[in-house]
Amino acid sequence: MKQTAEAYGVKTATVTNWIKRGLPYVDLDGMNKYFLFADVSKWLADNQITIKK
């Protein structure tokens, strides 16, 4: 999750909020959430999420 937050220039709390709103992720080990860049980008676009930098 930290890497995803860094990639998009947001805080991990923001990514957690996105997950609550339906951001797709993969849970392979029960402890970590993994994200595919293409899925995150599509989800952000589909949900009209803009990132302010």
N, C-alpha and C. Protein backbone atom coordinates (compact mmCIF):
# COMPACT_ATOMS: atom_id res chain seq x y z
N MET A 1 0.82 -1.18 0.00
CA MET A 1 0.00 0.00 0.00
C MET A 1 0.87 1.26 0.00
N LYS A 2 1.98 1.20 0.72
CA LYS A 2 2.88 2.35 0.78
C LYS A 2 3.42 2.69 -0.60
N GLN A 3 3.78 1.68 -1.37
CA GLN A 3 4.31 1.93 -2.71
C GLN A 3 3.25 2.55 -3.62
N THR A 4 2.01 2.10 -3.48
CA THR A 4 0.93 2.66 -4.29
C THR A 4 0.71 4.12 -3.92
N ALA A 5 0.72 4.42 -2.63
CA ALA A 5 0.57 5.80 -2.18
C ALA A 5 1.69 6.66 -2.74
N GLU A 6 2.92 6.16 -2.67
CA GLU A 6 4.05 6.92 -3.19
C GLU A 6 3.95 7.13 -4.70
N ALA A 7 3.50 6.10 -5.41
CA ALA A 7 3.39 6.19 -6.87
C ALA A 7 2.39 7.27 -7.30
N TYR A 8 1.35 7.46 -6.48
CA TYR A 8 0.32 8.45 -6.83
C TYR A 8 0.48 9.75 -6.06
N GLY A 9 1.51 9.83 -5.21
CA GLY A 9 1.76 11.07 -4.48
C GLY A 9 0.72 11.38 -3.42
N VAL A 10 0.18 10.34 -2.79
CA VAL A 10 -0.83 10.52 -1.75
C VAL A 10 -0.37 9.79 -0.48
N LYS A 11 -1.10 9.98 0.60
CA LYS A 11 -0.80 9.30 1.86
C LYS A 11 -1.43 7.91 1.86
N THR A 12 -0.90 7.02 2.68
CA THR A 12 -1.47 5.68 2.76
C THR A 12 -2.92 5.73 3.25
N ALA A 13 -3.26 6.72 4.05
CA ALA A 13 -4.66 6.87 4.50
C ALA A 13 -5.58 7.11 3.31
N THR A 14 -5.09 7.79 2.30
CA THR A 14 -5.89 8.03 1.09
C THR A 14 -6.15 6.71 0.37
N VAL A 15 -5.12 5.88 0.25
CA VAL A 15 -5.29 4.57 -0.40
C VAL A 15 -6.26 3.72 0.40
N THR A 16 -6.17 3.77 1.72
CA THR A 16 -7.12 3.04 2.57
C THR A 16 -8.55 3.51 2.30
N ASN A 17 -8.73 4.80 2.15
CA ASN A 17 -10.05 5.35 1.84
C ASN A 17 -10.52 4.86 0.48
N TRP A 18 -9.62 4.82 -0.49
CA TRP A 18 -9.98 4.32 -1.83
C TRP A 18 -10.43 2.86 -1.74
N ILE A 19 -9.75 2.07 -0.93
CA ILE A 19 -10.13 0.66 -0.76
C ILE A 19 -11.55 0.58 -0.22
N LYS A 20 -11.86 1.39 0.77
CA LYS A 20 -13.22 1.41 1.34
C LYS A 20 -14.25 1.78 0.29
N ARG A 21 -13.81 2.56 -0.71
CA ARG A 21 -14.73 3.01 -1.77
C ARG A 21 -14.74 2.05 -2.96
N GLY A 22 -13.96 0.96 -2.87
CA GLY A 22 -14.05 -0.06 -3.92
C GLY A 22 -12.80 -0.27 -4.77
N LEU A 23 -11.68 0.34 -4.42
CA LEU A 23 -10.46 0.14 -5.18
C LEU A 23 -10.08 -1.34 -5.19
N PRO A 24 -9.89 -1.91 -6.38
CA PRO A 24 -9.54 -3.34 -6.43
C PRO A 24 -8.10 -3.60 -5.98
N TYR A 25 -7.94 -4.71 -5.27
CA TYR A 25 -6.61 -5.12 -4.84
C TYR A 25 -6.56 -6.63 -4.75
N VAL A 26 -5.36 -7.16 -4.62
CA VAL A 26 -5.15 -8.60 -4.49
C VAL A 26 -4.58 -8.86 -3.11
N ASP A 27 -5.16 -9.83 -2.42
CA ASP A 27 -4.67 -10.21 -1.10
C ASP A 27 -4.13 -11.63 -1.20
N LEU A 28 -2.82 -11.76 -1.34
CA LEU A 28 -2.22 -13.07 -1.55
C LEU A 28 -1.83 -13.77 -0.25
N ASP A 29 -1.47 -13.00 0.76
CA ASP A 29 -0.95 -13.62 1.97
C ASP A 29 -1.73 -13.29 3.23
N GLY A 30 -2.82 -12.58 3.10
CA GLY A 30 -3.64 -12.22 4.24
C GLY A 30 -3.09 -11.07 5.07
N MET A 31 -1.91 -10.58 4.73
CA MET A 31 -1.32 -9.50 5.50
C MET A 31 -1.06 -8.24 4.66
N ASN A 32 -0.88 -8.42 3.39
CA ASN A 32 -0.55 -7.29 2.51
C ASN A 32 -1.54 -7.20 1.37
N LYS A 33 -1.77 -5.97 0.95
CA LYS A 33 -2.64 -5.73 -0.20
C LYS A 33 -1.75 -5.34 -1.37
N TYR A 34 -2.00 -5.94 -2.51
CA TYR A 34 -1.22 -5.67 -3.71
C TYR A 34 -2.12 -5.02 -4.75
N PHE A 35 -1.57 -4.06 -5.46
CA PHE A 35 -2.34 -3.30 -6.44
C PHE A 35 -1.67 -3.39 -7.79
N LEU A 36 -2.48 -3.48 -8.83
CA LEU A 36 -1.99 -3.42 -10.19
C LEU A 36 -2.16 -1.98 -10.68
N PHE A 37 -1.07 -1.41 -11.18
CA PHE A 37 -1.09 0.00 -11.59
C PHE A 37 -2.24 0.29 -12.55
N ALA A 38 -2.43 -0.58 -13.52
CA ALA A 38 -3.49 -0.37 -14.52
C ALA A 38 -4.87 -0.37 -13.85
N ASP A 39 -5.08 -1.26 -12.89
CA ASP A 39 -6.37 -1.32 -12.19
C ASP A 39 -6.62 -0.07 -11.37
N VAL A 40 -5.58 0.40 -10.68
CA VAL A 40 -5.72 1.62 -9.87
C VAL A 40 -6.01 2.81 -10.77
N SER A 41 -5.26 2.95 -11.85
CA SER A 41 -5.47 4.08 -12.77
C SER A 41 -6.87 4.06 -13.35
N LYS A 42 -7.34 2.88 -13.76
CA LYS A 42 -8.68 2.76 -14.32
C LYS A 42 -9.73 3.10 -13.27
N TRP A 43 -9.55 2.59 -12.05
CA TRP A 43 -10.51 2.85 -10.97
C TRP A 43 -10.58 4.35 -10.68
N LEU A 44 -9.42 5.00 -10.62
CA LEU A 44 -9.40 6.44 -10.37
C LEU A 44 -10.15 7.19 -11.47
N ALA A 45 -9.90 6.82 -12.73
CA ALA A 45 -10.57 7.48 -13.85
C ALA A 45 -12.07 7.20 -13.83
N ASP A 46 -12.44 5.93 -13.62
CA ASP A 46 -13.86 5.56 -13.61
C ASP A 46 -14.64 6.25 -12.50
N ASN A 47 -13.97 6.51 -11.39
CA ASN A 47 -14.62 7.14 -10.24
C ASN A 47 -14.35 8.64 -10.17
N GLN A 48 -13.77 9.15 -11.24
CA GLN A 48 -13.49 10.59 -11.37
C GLN A 48 -12.74 11.14 -10.17
N ILE A 49 -11.73 10.36 -9.74
CA ILE A 49 -10.89 10.78 -8.63
C ILE A 49 -9.74 11.60 -9.20
N THR A 50 -9.57 12.80 -8.71
CA THR A 50 -8.45 13.62 -9.14
C THR A 50 -7.46 13.73 -7.99
N ILE A 51 -6.20 13.72 -8.33
CA ILE A 51 -5.15 13.82 -7.32
C ILE A 51 -4.55 15.21 -7.42
N LYS A 52 -4.62 15.93 -6.31
CA LYS A 52 -4.06 17.27 -6.26
C LYS A 52 -2.65 17.18 -5.74
N LYS A 53 -1.73 17.76 -6.48
CA LYS A 53 -0.32 17.74 -6.07
C LYS A 53 0.16 19.12 -5.80
